[in-house]
Amino acid sequence: MIVTSVKVDCARITDWASFHSVFAEAFGFPDSYGKNISAWIDCLTSLDAPEEGMTKVHCAPGTVITLQLDHVREFRRTCPEQYAALIECSAFVNWRRNEVKQDSVLALSFRD
């Protein structure tokens, strides 16, 4: 399914296990998802490649999916490690793609 944004309720994230569960649900990661940050990066790197089977939501090539993070202020306060990883790893997804001459695929939007 091609989408332009994915909403994530960060109030549901309380630890690493819930971080991975919430994102797996929001993006439709495969059953083989490793529930670690490397697997998270791998899945989101393929947002414009449905044939890879890494997510159930996709964007058209040359476009991005905006990750709308709701309740982000509280998430940052209660889960600083997960919050920092989310920011850093989202940037890494785009950097990784840019290194091989692919367009960025992920943008972040914050809502309290």
Protein backbone atom coordinates (compact mmCIF):
# COMPACT_ATOMS: atom_id res chain seq x y z
CA MET A 1 0.00 0.00 0.00
CA ILE A 2 1.49 3.36 -1.03
CA VAL A 3 1.17 6.03 1.67
CA THR A 4 2.61 9.45 2.36
CA SER A 5 2.63 9.31 6.16
CA VAL A 6 2.60 6.83 9.01
CA LYS A 7 1.36 7.84 12.44
CA VAL A 8 3.07 6.42 15.53
CA ASP A 9 1.66 7.00 19.00
CA CYS A 10 4.85 7.33 21.03
CA ALA A 11 2.81 7.13 24.26
CA ARG A 12 2.68 3.39 23.57
CA ILE A 13 6.48 3.12 23.70
CA THR A 14 7.87 2.40 27.16
CA ASP A 15 10.97 0.31 26.42
CA TRP A 16 12.82 -1.39 23.56
CA ALA A 17 10.32 -4.24 23.28
CA SER A 18 7.39 -1.84 22.87
CA PHE A 19 9.44 0.36 20.50
CA HIS A 20 9.86 -2.57 18.15
CA SER A 21 6.27 -3.77 18.54
CA VAL A 22 4.80 -0.34 17.81
CA PHE A 23 6.95 0.17 14.70
CA ALA A 24 6.40 -3.37 13.45
CA GLU A 25 2.65 -2.79 13.69
CA ALA A 26 2.75 0.67 12.10
CA PHE A 27 4.86 -0.37 9.12
CA GLY A 28 3.90 -4.01 8.78
CA PHE A 29 7.39 -5.42 9.23
CA PRO A 30 7.73 -9.10 8.24
CA ASP A 31 7.38 -11.92 10.76
CA SER A 32 11.15 -12.41 10.47
CA TYR A 33 11.77 -8.88 11.86
CA GLY A 34 14.69 -9.17 14.28
CA LYS A 35 13.38 -6.62 16.81
CA ASN A 36 16.66 -4.75 17.00
CA ILE A 37 17.74 -1.38 15.67
CA SER A 38 19.73 -2.87 12.76
CA ALA A 39 16.63 -4.72 11.57
CA TRP A 40 14.57 -1.51 12.03
CA ILE A 41 17.02 0.33 9.78
CA ASP A 42 16.97 -2.46 7.20
CA CYS A 43 13.17 -2.44 7.04
CA LEU A 44 12.85 1.33 6.69
CA THR A 45 15.62 1.54 4.10
CA SER A 46 13.30 -0.39 1.75
CA LEU A 47 10.21 1.82 1.98
CA ASP A 48 10.18 2.38 -1.78
CA ALA A 49 10.90 -1.24 -2.67
CA PRO A 50 7.78 -3.36 -2.03
CA GLU A 51 9.36 -6.32 -3.82
CA GLU A 52 11.82 -6.66 -0.91
CA GLY A 53 8.98 -7.48 1.51
CA MET A 54 10.41 -5.45 4.39
CA THR A 55 7.26 -3.38 5.06
CA LYS A 56 3.62 -3.44 4.10
CA VAL A 57 3.49 0.33 3.55
CA HIS A 58 5.47 1.97 0.79
CA CYS A 59 6.15 5.25 -0.93
CA ALA A 60 6.60 5.79 -4.62
CA PRO A 61 10.22 6.01 -5.78
CA GLY A 62 11.52 9.57 -5.42
CA THR A 63 9.11 10.40 -2.57
CA VAL A 64 9.29 10.08 1.20
CA ILE A 65 7.10 8.73 3.95
CA THR A 66 6.60 11.19 6.78
CA LEU A 67 6.76 9.49 10.14
CA GLN A 68 4.31 11.43 12.30
CA LEU A 69 5.38 10.97 15.91
CA ASP A 70 2.56 11.77 18.34
CA HIS A 71 3.16 12.49 22.06
CA VAL A 72 6.82 12.97 21.26
CA ARG A 73 7.62 15.33 24.14
CA GLU A 74 6.62 12.72 26.73
CA PHE A 75 8.38 9.99 24.75
CA ARG A 76 11.57 12.03 24.78
CA ARG A 77 11.28 12.47 28.55
CA THR A 78 10.39 8.88 29.47
CA CYS A 79 12.43 6.99 26.84
CA PRO A 80 15.46 9.15 26.03
CA GLU A 81 17.49 6.22 24.69
CA GLN A 82 14.77 5.13 22.27
CA TYR A 83 14.05 8.74 21.27
CA ALA A 84 17.72 9.40 20.47
CA ALA A 85 17.98 6.14 18.53
CA LEU A 86 14.87 7.00 16.52
CA ILE A 87 16.32 10.37 15.47
CA GLU A 88 19.79 9.04 14.72
CA CYS A 89 18.63 5.91 12.92
CA SER A 90 16.07 7.75 10.81
CA ALA A 91 18.87 10.00 9.60
CA PHE A 92 21.03 6.93 9.01
CA VAL A 93 18.32 5.35 6.81
CA ASN A 94 18.52 8.36 4.49
CA TRP A 95 22.31 8.62 4.67
CA ARG A 96 22.66 4.93 3.81
CA ARG A 97 20.47 5.40 0.75
CA ASN A 98 22.22 8.59 -0.32
CA GLU A 99 25.59 6.81 -0.16
CA VAL A 100 24.41 4.49 -2.97
CA LYS A 101 22.84 7.32 -4.98
CA GLN A 102 19.25 6.60 -3.86
CA ASP A 103 16.82 9.30 -2.74
CA SER A 104 15.98 9.85 0.91
CA VAL A 105 12.88 7.95 1.92
CA LEU A 106 11.98 9.05 5.45
CA ALA A 107 10.98 12.36 7.07
CA LEU A 108 10.00 13.00 10.69
CA SER A 109 7.16 15.11 12.06
CA PHE A 110 6.68 15.80 15.76
CA ARG A 111 3.40 16.36 17.62
CA ASP A 112 2.79 16.67 21.35
